[in-house]
Amino acid sequence: MKATILASMISASMFLTFTASAAITPFQQEVIEVMKMEHRTDADKLRDANRTPEIALDFFGLKPDMKVIEFVHGGGWYSKILAPILKEKGELHIAFKKEWLDEMDDLLSIDAMSKTKKLPIELDWNSEERRFNLGNIDFGMSDADMMLNIREYHNLNIEDKTKLNKATFEALKPGGIYVIVDHTRRHMMPETVEMRRREDPIDVILEVQAAGFVLEKSSNMFYRPDDELRYEVARKSVTGNTDRFTLVFKKPY
């Protein structure tokens, strides 16, 4: 039965590979210009080669006039690129715990970031389980164009993933895009301490589809052949160079 489901998903989806020889698009050039801006630190820029945002954001389908929710912005690496791109024609809403959002005030006072909107949600950190606890979640909108969940899906248990996927479906307009990027776990690999921050992409596909989404495409742009998929992502042998899957879902019309 599972094999049938997987075959159906693969045949219904488009799997793309980026080729380095592809011409730079106008949108990619815009992202490259943002990457040079002064509000980005040297530490931010050191990660650019591994994360290739000009390629990733283009693949996601981001447009400068979109209304975008970024779920848990971490250190704000993506936020610092998204905010200037969306500043004039679009909207960036950062969904995070209110107290943690308030810690961003200095960053959000910078002109390039000044149009970013805080989107407080019920969220806390469970230090015992080393995961987020997600409360009653409502993004307060139904017309978002895109939800970005970049390397945060692994920080939720299955109950909270279900809540998040449902809330995302409700927040997006028909045709809206839900992007998930996360560290890869080998298919059917059991839960261990080493696997705590890795996700089986097949499980993620099934979980998100259960909320009503359709898998539109995926990419191997973050494939890393030297990541053996068996170590915790902070280990010296893989940190900063983990194999990551990229999934782009769409809310049906």
C-alpha atoms as a PDB file:
ATOM      1  CA  MET A   1       0.000   0.000   0.000  1.00  0.00           C
ATOM      2  CA  LYS A   2       2.783   2.396   0.957  1.00  0.00           C
ATOM      3  CA  ALA A   3       4.640   1.633  -2.280  1.00  0.00           C
ATOM      4  CA  THR A   4       1.496   2.525  -4.227  1.00  0.00           C
ATOM      5  CA  ILE A   5       1.183   5.825  -2.375  1.00  0.00           C
ATOM      6  CA  LEU A   6       4.825   6.692  -3.040  1.00  0.00           C
ATOM      7  CA  ALA A   7       4.563   5.820  -6.713  1.00  0.00           C
ATOM      8  CA  SER A   8       1.513   8.039  -7.014  1.00  0.00           C
ATOM      9  CA  MET A   9       3.281  10.936  -5.304  1.00  0.00           C
ATOM     10  CA  ILE A  10       6.328  10.635  -7.517  1.00  0.00           C
ATOM     11  CA  SER A  11       4.312  10.500 -10.728  1.00  0.00           C
ATOM     12  CA  ALA A  12       2.254  13.511  -9.663  1.00  0.00           C
ATOM     13  CA  SER A  13       5.243  15.654  -8.681  1.00  0.00           C
ATOM     14  CA  MET A  14       8.058  17.371 -10.499  1.00  0.00           C
ATOM     15  CA  PHE A  15      11.569  16.684  -9.268  1.00  0.00           C
ATOM     16  CA  LEU A  16      14.066  19.297 -10.415  1.00  0.00           C
ATOM     17  CA  THR A  17      17.830  19.611 -10.240  1.00  0.00           C
ATOM     18  CA  PHE A  18      19.577  22.947 -10.448  1.00  0.00           C
ATOM     19  CA  THR A  19      22.401  23.129 -12.966  1.00  0.00           C
ATOM     20  CA  ALA A  20      25.234  25.498 -12.265  1.00  0.00           C
ATOM     21  CA  SER A  21      25.333  26.581 -15.889  1.00  0.00           C
ATOM     22  CA  ALA A  22      21.797  28.004 -15.804  1.00  0.00           C
ATOM     23  CA  ALA A  23      21.581  31.718 -16.588  1.00  0.00           C
ATOM     24  CA  ILE A  24      20.949  34.054 -13.650  1.00  0.00           C
ATOM     25  CA  THR A  25      17.365  35.321 -13.672  1.00  0.00           C
ATOM     26  CA  PRO A  26      16.410  38.924 -12.789  1.00  0.00           C
ATOM     27  CA  PHE A  27      14.953  37.678  -9.502  1.00  0.00           C
ATOM     28  CA  GLN A  28      18.146  35.798  -8.646  1.00  0.00           C
ATOM     29  CA  GLN A  29      20.146  38.949  -9.387  1.00  0.00           C
ATOM     30  CA  GLU A  30      17.892  40.874  -6.994  1.00  0.00           C
ATOM     31  CA  VAL A  31      18.593  38.330  -4.262  1.00  0.00           C
ATOM     32  CA  ILE A  32      22.338  38.565  -4.938  1.00  0.00           C
ATOM     33  CA  GLU A  33      22.179  42.350  -4.506  1.00  0.00           C
ATOM     34  CA  VAL A  34      20.327  41.959  -1.188  1.00  0.00           C
ATOM     35  CA  MET A  35      23.004  39.509  -0.033  1.00  0.00           C
ATOM     36  CA  LYS A  36      25.553  42.346  -0.295  1.00  0.00           C
ATOM     37  CA  MET A  37      23.602  44.706   1.984  1.00  0.00           C
ATOM     38  CA  GLU A  38      25.209  46.060   5.150  1.00  0.00           C
ATOM     39  CA  HIS A  39      22.646  44.708   7.609  1.00  0.00           C
ATOM     40  CA  ARG A  40      23.926  41.189   6.883  1.00  0.00           C
ATOM     41  CA  THR A  41      26.870  40.214   9.073  1.00  0.00           C
ATOM     42  CA  ASP A  42      30.064  38.462   8.028  1.00  0.00           C
ATOM     43  CA  ALA A  43      28.730  35.351   9.794  1.00  0.00           C
ATOM     44  CA  ASP A  44      25.590  35.532   7.638  1.00  0.00           C
ATOM     45  CA  LYS A  45      27.645  35.810   4.468  1.00  0.00           C
ATOM     46  CA  LEU A  46      29.843  32.839   5.382  1.00  0.00           C
ATOM     47  CA  ARG A  47      26.753  30.632   5.011  1.00  0.00           C
ATOM     48  CA  ASP A  48      25.762  31.939   1.587  1.00  0.00           C
ATOM     49  CA  ALA A  49      27.697  29.402  -0.476  1.00  0.00           C
ATOM     50  CA  ASN A  50      26.117  26.474   1.365  1.00  0.00           C
ATOM     51  CA  ARG A  51      22.575  27.865   1.334  1.00  0.00           C
ATOM     52  CA  THR A  52      22.553  29.541  -2.119  1.00  0.00           C
ATOM     53  CA  PRO A  53      19.500  31.721  -1.386  1.00  0.00           C
ATOM     54  CA  GLU A  54      19.418  33.141  -4.910  1.00  0.00           C
ATOM     55  CA  ILE A  55      18.757  29.609  -6.175  1.00  0.00           C
ATOM     56  CA  ALA A  56      16.596  28.392  -3.291  1.00  0.00           C
ATOM     57  CA  LEU A  57      14.175  31.343  -3.138  1.00  0.00           C
ATOM     58  CA  ASP A  58      13.745  31.267  -6.911  1.00  0.00           C
ATOM     59  CA  PHE A  59      12.949  27.553  -6.757  1.00  0.00           C
ATOM     60  CA  PHE A  60      10.468  28.071  -3.920  1.00  0.00           C
ATOM     61  CA  GLY A  61       8.537  30.437  -6.178  1.00  0.00           C
ATOM     62  CA  LEU A  62       9.028  33.597  -4.121  1.00  0.00           C
ATOM     63  CA  LYS A  63       7.898  36.833  -5.795  1.00  0.00           C
ATOM     64  CA  PRO A  64       8.499  40.397  -4.522  1.00  0.00           C
ATOM     65  CA  ASP A  65       4.749  41.081  -4.251  1.00  0.00           C
ATOM     66  CA  MET A  66       3.908  38.063  -2.075  1.00  0.00           C
ATOM     67  CA  LYS A  67       2.505  37.950   1.436  1.00  0.00           C
ATOM     68  CA  VAL A  68       4.902  35.562   3.194  1.00  0.00           C
ATOM     69  CA  ILE A  69       4.901  33.944   6.637  1.00  0.00           C
ATOM     70  CA  GLU A  70       8.253  32.767   7.953  1.00  0.00           C
ATOM     71  CA  PHE A  71       7.710  30.175  10.682  1.00  0.00           C
ATOM     72  CA  VAL A  72      10.374  30.492  13.420  1.00  0.00           C
ATOM     73  CA  HIS A  73      13.084  32.667  11.921  1.00  0.00           C
ATOM     74  CA  GLY A  74      15.936  31.290  14.048  1.00  0.00           C
ATOM     75  CA  GLY A  75      18.759  33.799  13.919  1.00  0.00           C
ATOM     76  CA  GLY A  76      17.072  35.705  11.121  1.00  0.00           C
ATOM     77  CA  TRP A  77      19.364  34.556   8.323  1.00  0.00           C
ATOM     78  CA  TYR A  78      16.522  34.193   5.822  1.00  0.00           C
ATOM     79  CA  SER A  79      14.612  37.141   7.285  1.00  0.00           C
ATOM     80  CA  LYS A  80      17.457  39.491   6.412  1.00  0.00           C
ATOM     81  CA  ILE A  81      17.115  38.497   2.762  1.00  0.00           C
ATOM     82  CA  LEU A  82      13.339  38.203   2.625  1.00  0.00           C
ATOM     83  CA  ALA A  83      12.582  41.564   4.226  1.00  0.00           C
ATOM     84  CA  PRO A  84      14.292  43.801   1.631  1.00  0.00           C
ATOM     85  CA  ILE A  85      12.878  41.744  -1.250  1.00  0.00           C
ATOM     86  CA  LEU A  86       9.315  42.039   0.074  1.00  0.00           C
ATOM     87  CA  LYS A  87       9.627  45.559   1.485  1.00  0.00           C
ATOM     88  CA  GLU A  88       8.068  47.575  -1.357  1.00  0.00           C
ATOM     89  CA  LYS A  89       5.392  45.331  -2.868  1.00  0.00           C
ATOM     90  CA  GLY A  90       4.942  42.402  -0.492  1.00  0.00           C
ATOM     91  CA  GLU A  91       4.726  41.553   3.201  1.00  0.00           C
ATOM     92  CA  LEU A  92       6.926  39.511   5.523  1.00  0.00           C
ATOM     93  CA  HIS A  93       5.315  38.158   8.695  1.00  0.00           C
ATOM     94  CA  ILE A  94       7.630  36.446  11.177  1.00  0.00           C
ATOM     95  CA  ALA A  95       5.804  33.885  13.341  1.00  0.00           C
ATOM     96  CA  PHE A  96       7.477  33.369  16.703  1.00  0.00           C
ATOM     97  CA  LYS A  97       6.880  33.707  20.446  1.00  0.00           C
ATOM     98  CA  LYS A  98       6.139  37.346  21.377  1.00  0.00           C
ATOM     99  CA  GLU A  99       9.009  37.683  23.850  1.00  0.00           C
ATOM    100  CA  TRP A 100      11.467  36.336  21.299  1.00  0.00           C
ATOM    101  CA  LEU A 101      10.080  38.588  18.581  1.00  0.00           C
ATOM    102  CA  ASP A 102      10.670  41.600  20.824  1.00  0.00           C
ATOM    103  CA  GLU A 103      14.361  40.698  20.916  1.00  0.00           C
ATOM    104  CA  MET A 104      14.433  41.530  17.191  1.00  0.00           C
ATOM    105  CA  ASP A 105      13.571  45.200  17.714  1.00  0.00           C
ATOM    106  CA  ASP A 106      17.108  46.469  17.016  1.00  0.00           C
ATOM    107  CA  LEU A 107      17.273  44.483  13.773  1.00  0.00           C
ATOM    108  CA  LEU A 108      13.786  45.575  12.711  1.00  0.00           C
ATOM    109  CA  SER A 109      14.715  49.223  13.249  1.00  0.00           C
ATOM    110  CA  ILE A 110      17.103  49.002  10.278  1.00  0.00           C
ATOM    111  CA  ASP A 111      15.581  50.501   7.144  1.00  0.00           C
ATOM    112  CA  ALA A 112      15.892  47.307   5.093  1.00  0.00           C
ATOM    113  CA  MET A 113      13.967  45.384   7.769  1.00  0.00           C
ATOM    114  CA  SER A 114      11.531  48.096   8.861  1.00  0.00           C
ATOM    115  CA  LYS A 115       8.426  46.808   7.067  1.00  0.00           C
ATOM    116  CA  THR A 116       8.683  43.332   8.637  1.00  0.00           C
ATOM    117  CA  LYS A 117       5.626  42.431  10.689  1.00  0.00           C
ATOM    118  CA  LYS A 118       5.734  40.507  13.960  1.00  0.00           C
ATOM    119  CA  LEU A 119       3.300  37.595  14.136  1.00  0.00           C
ATOM    120  CA  PRO A 120       3.177  36.315  17.744  1.00  0.00           C
ATOM    121  CA  ILE A 121       2.158  32.673  18.172  1.00  0.00           C
ATOM    122  CA  GLU A 122       1.831  30.360  21.174  1.00  0.00           C
ATOM    123  CA  LEU A 123       5.251  28.736  21.217  1.00  0.00           C
ATOM    124  CA  ASP A 124       7.729  27.671  23.867  1.00  0.00           C
ATOM    125  CA  TRP A 125      10.854  25.562  24.125  1.00  0.00           C
ATOM    126  CA  ASN A 126      10.701  22.173  25.862  1.00  0.00           C
ATOM    127  CA  SER A 127      14.249  21.763  27.156  1.00  0.00           C
ATOM    128  CA  GLU A 128      13.608  18.197  28.327  1.00  0.00           C
ATOM    129  CA  GLU A 129      12.477  16.984  24.892  1.00  0.00           C
ATOM    130  CA  ARG A 130      14.588  19.602  23.081  1.00  0.00           C
ATOM    131  CA  ARG A 131      11.635  20.562  20.916  1.00  0.00           C
ATOM    132  CA  PHE A 132       9.186  23.418  20.603  1.00  0.00           C
ATOM    133  CA  ASN A 133       5.800  23.169  22.245  1.00  0.00           C
ATOM    134  CA  LEU A 134       3.165  24.650  19.963  1.00  0.00           C
ATOM    135  CA  GLY A 135       0.005  25.977  21.595  1.00  0.00           C
ATOM    136  CA  ASN A 136      -3.274  26.924  19.929  1.00  0.00           C
ATOM    137  CA  ILE A 137      -2.019  28.287  16.657  1.00  0.00           C
ATOM    138  CA  ASP A 138      -3.827  30.703  14.381  1.00  0.00           C
ATOM    139  CA  PHE A 139      -1.861  32.897  11.980  1.00  0.00           C
ATOM    140  CA  GLY A 140      -4.779  35.324  11.769  1.00  0.00           C
ATOM    141  CA  MET A 141      -5.022  35.388   7.991  1.00  0.00           C
ATOM    142  CA  SER A 142      -6.328  33.339   5.089  1.00  0.00           C
ATOM    143  CA  ASP A 143      -4.696  35.141   2.168  1.00  0.00           C
ATOM    144  CA  ALA A 144      -0.982  34.400   2.549  1.00  0.00           C
ATOM    145  CA  ASP A 145       0.884  33.470  -0.621  1.00  0.00           C
ATOM    146  CA  MET A 146       3.666  31.456   0.985  1.00  0.00           C
ATOM    147  CA  MET A 147       4.699  29.773   4.240  1.00  0.00           C
ATOM    148  CA  LEU A 148       8.388  29.098   4.773  1.00  0.00           C
ATOM    149  CA  ASN A 149       9.454  26.416   7.244  1.00  0.00           C
ATOM    150  CA  ILE A 150      13.235  26.279   6.943  1.00  0.00           C
ATOM    151  CA  ARG A 151      14.983  23.694   9.134  1.00  0.00           C
ATOM    152  CA  GLU A 152      12.345  23.938  11.867  1.00  0.00           C
ATOM    153  CA  TYR A 153       9.957  21.091  11.067  1.00  0.00           C
ATOM    154  CA  HIS A 154      12.180  18.677  13.007  1.00  0.00           C
ATOM    155  CA  ASN A 155      11.694  20.768  16.155  1.00  0.00           C
ATOM    156  CA  LEU A 156       8.049  19.659  16.539  1.00  0.00           C
ATOM    157  CA  ASN A 157       6.501  16.393  17.661  1.00  0.00           C
ATOM    158  CA  ILE A 158       3.910  14.724  15.459  1.00  0.00           C
ATOM    159  CA  GLU A 159       0.949  16.320  17.259  1.00  0.00           C
ATOM    160  CA  ASP A 160       2.378  19.806  16.807  1.00  0.00           C
ATOM    161  CA  LYS A 161       3.341  19.103  13.199  1.00  0.00           C
ATOM    162  CA  THR A 162      -0.290  18.202  12.570  1.00  0.00           C
ATOM    163  CA  LYS A 163      -1.439  21.463  14.176  1.00  0.00           C
ATOM    164  CA  LEU A 164       1.077  23.514  12.222  1.00  0.00           C
ATOM    165  CA  ASN A 165       0.205  21.936   8.884  1.00  0.00           C
ATOM    166  CA  LYS A 166      -3.504  22.518   9.489  1.00  0.00           C
ATOM    167  CA  ALA A 167      -2.939  26.141  10.544  1.00  0.00           C
ATOM    168  CA  THR A 168      -0.737  26.694   7.503  1.00  0.00           C
ATOM    169  CA  PHE A 169      -3.440  25.331   5.208  1.00  0.00           C
ATOM    170  CA  GLU A 170      -5.931  27.762   6.744  1.00  0.00           C
ATOM    171  CA  ALA A 171      -3.529  30.733   6.498  1.00  0.00           C
ATOM    172  CA  LEU A 172      -2.726  30.271   2.814  1.00  0.00           C
ATOM    173  CA  LYS A 173      -5.005  31.333  -0.010  1.00  0.00           C
ATOM    174  CA  PRO A 174      -5.953  28.752  -2.674  1.00  0.00           C
ATOM    175  CA  GLY A 175      -2.826  28.169  -4.731  1.00  0.00           C
ATOM    176  CA  GLY A 176      -0.660  29.226  -1.788  1.00  0.00           C
ATOM    177  CA  ILE A 177       2.772  27.644  -1.385  1.00  0.00           C
ATOM    178  CA  TYR A 178       4.107  25.754   1.641  1.00  0.00           C
ATOM    179  CA  VAL A 179       7.881  25.221   1.623  1.00  0.00           C
ATOM    180  CA  ILE A 180       9.701  22.817   3.938  1.00  0.00           C
ATOM    181  CA  VAL A 181      13.480  22.418   3.994  1.00  0.00           C
ATOM    182  CA  ASP A 182      15.071  20.177   6.597  1.00  0.00           C
ATOM    183  CA  HIS A 183      17.961  17.866   7.392  1.00  0.00           C
ATOM    184  CA  THR A 184      17.536  14.472   5.746  1.00  0.00           C
ATOM    185  CA  ARG A 185      17.016  11.224   7.611  1.00  0.00           C
ATOM    186  CA  ARG A 186      17.309   7.902   5.820  1.00  0.00           C
ATOM    187  CA  HIS A 187      13.869   6.459   5.032  1.00  0.00           C
ATOM    188  CA  MET A 188      12.436   4.385   7.904  1.00  0.00           C
ATOM    189  CA  MET A 189      15.434   5.129  10.133  1.00  0.00           C
ATOM    190  CA  PRO A 190      14.207   4.806  13.750  1.00  0.00           C
ATOM    191  CA  GLU A 191      14.194   7.709  16.192  1.00  0.00           C
ATOM    192  CA  THR A 192      17.510   8.054  18.037  1.00  0.00           C
ATOM    193  CA  VAL A 193      19.462  10.846  19.680  1.00  0.00           C
ATOM    194  CA  GLU A 194      21.538  11.087  16.517  1.00  0.00           C
ATOM    195  CA  MET A 195      18.400  11.432  14.394  1.00  0.00           C
ATOM    196  CA  ARG A 196      16.717  14.049  16.613  1.00  0.00           C
ATOM    197  CA  ARG A 197      17.146  16.895  14.131  1.00  0.00           C
ATOM    198  CA  ARG A 198      16.661  14.903  10.947  1.00  0.00           C
ATOM    199  CA  GLU A 199      13.408  14.173   9.098  1.00  0.00           C
ATOM    200  CA  ASP A 200      12.390  11.369   6.757  1.00  0.00           C
ATOM    201  CA  PRO A 201      11.140  13.302   3.697  1.00  0.00           C
ATOM    202  CA  ILE A 202       8.626  10.563   2.886  1.00  0.00           C
ATOM    203  CA  ASP A 203       7.036  10.978   6.309  1.00  0.00           C
ATOM    204  CA  VAL A 204       6.965  14.755   5.844  1.00  0.00           C
ATOM    205  CA  ILE A 205       5.218  14.390   2.477  1.00  0.00           C
ATOM    206  CA  LEU A 206       2.552  12.119   3.944  1.00  0.00           C
ATOM    207  CA  GLU A 207       2.012  14.379   6.972  1.00  0.00           C
ATOM    208  CA  VAL A 208       1.612  17.539   4.888  1.00  0.00           C
ATOM    209  CA  GLN A 209      -0.617  15.839   2.335  1.00  0.00           C
ATOM    210  CA  ALA A 210      -2.855  14.713   5.202  1.00  0.00           C
ATOM    211  CA  ALA A 211      -3.559  18.419   5.864  1.00  0.00           C
ATOM    212  CA  GLY A 212      -4.867  18.834   2.308  1.00  0.00           C
ATOM    213  CA  PHE A 213      -1.758  19.986   0.447  1.00  0.00           C
ATOM    214  CA  VAL A 214      -0.501  18.664  -2.887  1.00  0.00           C
ATOM    215  CA  LEU A 215       3.214  18.080  -3.436  1.00  0.00           C
ATOM    216  CA  GLU A 216       4.133  20.297  -6.371  1.00  0.00           C
ATOM    217  CA  LYS A 217       7.887  19.762  -6.667  1.00  0.00           C
ATOM    218  CA  SER A 218      11.086  18.944  -4.844  1.00  0.00           C
ATOM    219  CA  SER A 219      14.759  19.607  -5.418  1.00  0.00           C
ATOM    220  CA  ASN A 220      18.097  17.997  -4.648  1.00  0.00           C
ATOM    221  CA  MET A 221      19.904  21.362  -4.609  1.00  0.00           C
ATOM    222  CA  PHE A 222      21.066  20.651  -1.046  1.00  0.00           C
ATOM    223  CA  TYR A 223      22.165  17.066  -1.681  1.00  0.00           C
ATOM    224  CA  ARG A 224      25.459  16.422   0.076  1.00  0.00           C
ATOM    225  CA  PRO A 225      27.095  13.073  -0.822  1.00  0.00           C
ATOM    226  CA  ASP A 226      29.499  13.235   2.120  1.00  0.00           C
ATOM    227  CA  ASP A 227      26.661  13.373   4.681  1.00  0.00           C
ATOM    228  CA  GLU A 228      26.114   9.738   5.623  1.00  0.00           C
ATOM    229  CA  LEU A 229      22.704  10.510   7.193  1.00  0.00           C
ATOM    230  CA  ARG A 230      23.642   8.823  10.459  1.00  0.00           C
ATOM    231  CA  TYR A 231      25.075  11.595  12.619  1.00  0.00           C
ATOM    232  CA  GLU A 232      23.570  14.438  14.637  1.00  0.00           C
ATOM    233  CA  VAL A 233      23.647  17.547  12.462  1.00  0.00           C
ATOM    234  CA  ALA A 234      25.922  19.440  14.877  1.00  0.00           C
ATOM    235  CA  ARG A 235      28.728  16.881  14.656  1.00  0.00           C
ATOM    236  CA  LYS A 236      31.956  18.246  13.187  1.00  0.00           C
ATOM    237  CA  SER A 237      31.818  15.859  10.237  1.00  0.00           C
ATOM    238  CA  VAL A 238      28.536  17.300   8.918  1.00  0.00           C
ATOM    239  CA  THR A 239      27.744  20.602  10.641  1.00  0.00           C
ATOM    240  CA  GLY A 240      27.071  23.304   8.079  1.00  0.00           C
ATOM    241  CA  ASN A 241      27.055  20.744   5.305  1.00  0.00           C
ATOM    242  CA  THR A 242      24.114  18.461   6.019  1.00  0.00           C
ATOM    243  CA  ASP A 243      22.084  16.838   3.298  1.00  0.00           C
ATOM    244  CA  ARG A 244      18.751  18.702   3.188  1.00  0.00           C
ATOM    245  CA  PHE A 245      15.560  17.947   1.297  1.00  0.00           C
ATOM    246  CA  THR A 246      13.451  20.697  -0.280  1.00  0.00           C
ATOM    247  CA  LEU A 247       9.694  20.187  -0.661  1.00  0.00           C
ATOM    248  CA  VAL A 248       7.251  22.646  -2.204  1.00  0.00           C
ATOM    249  CA  PHE A 249       3.546  21.993  -1.560  1.00  0.00           C
ATOM    250  CA  LYS A 250       0.518  23.851  -2.886  1.00  0.00           C
ATOM    251  CA  LYS A 251      -2.928  24.434  -1.434  1.00  0.00           C
ATOM    252  CA  PRO A 252      -5.404  23.295  -4.101  1.00  0.00           C
ATOM    253  CA  TYR A 253      -7.718  25.807  -5.767  1.00  0.00           C
END
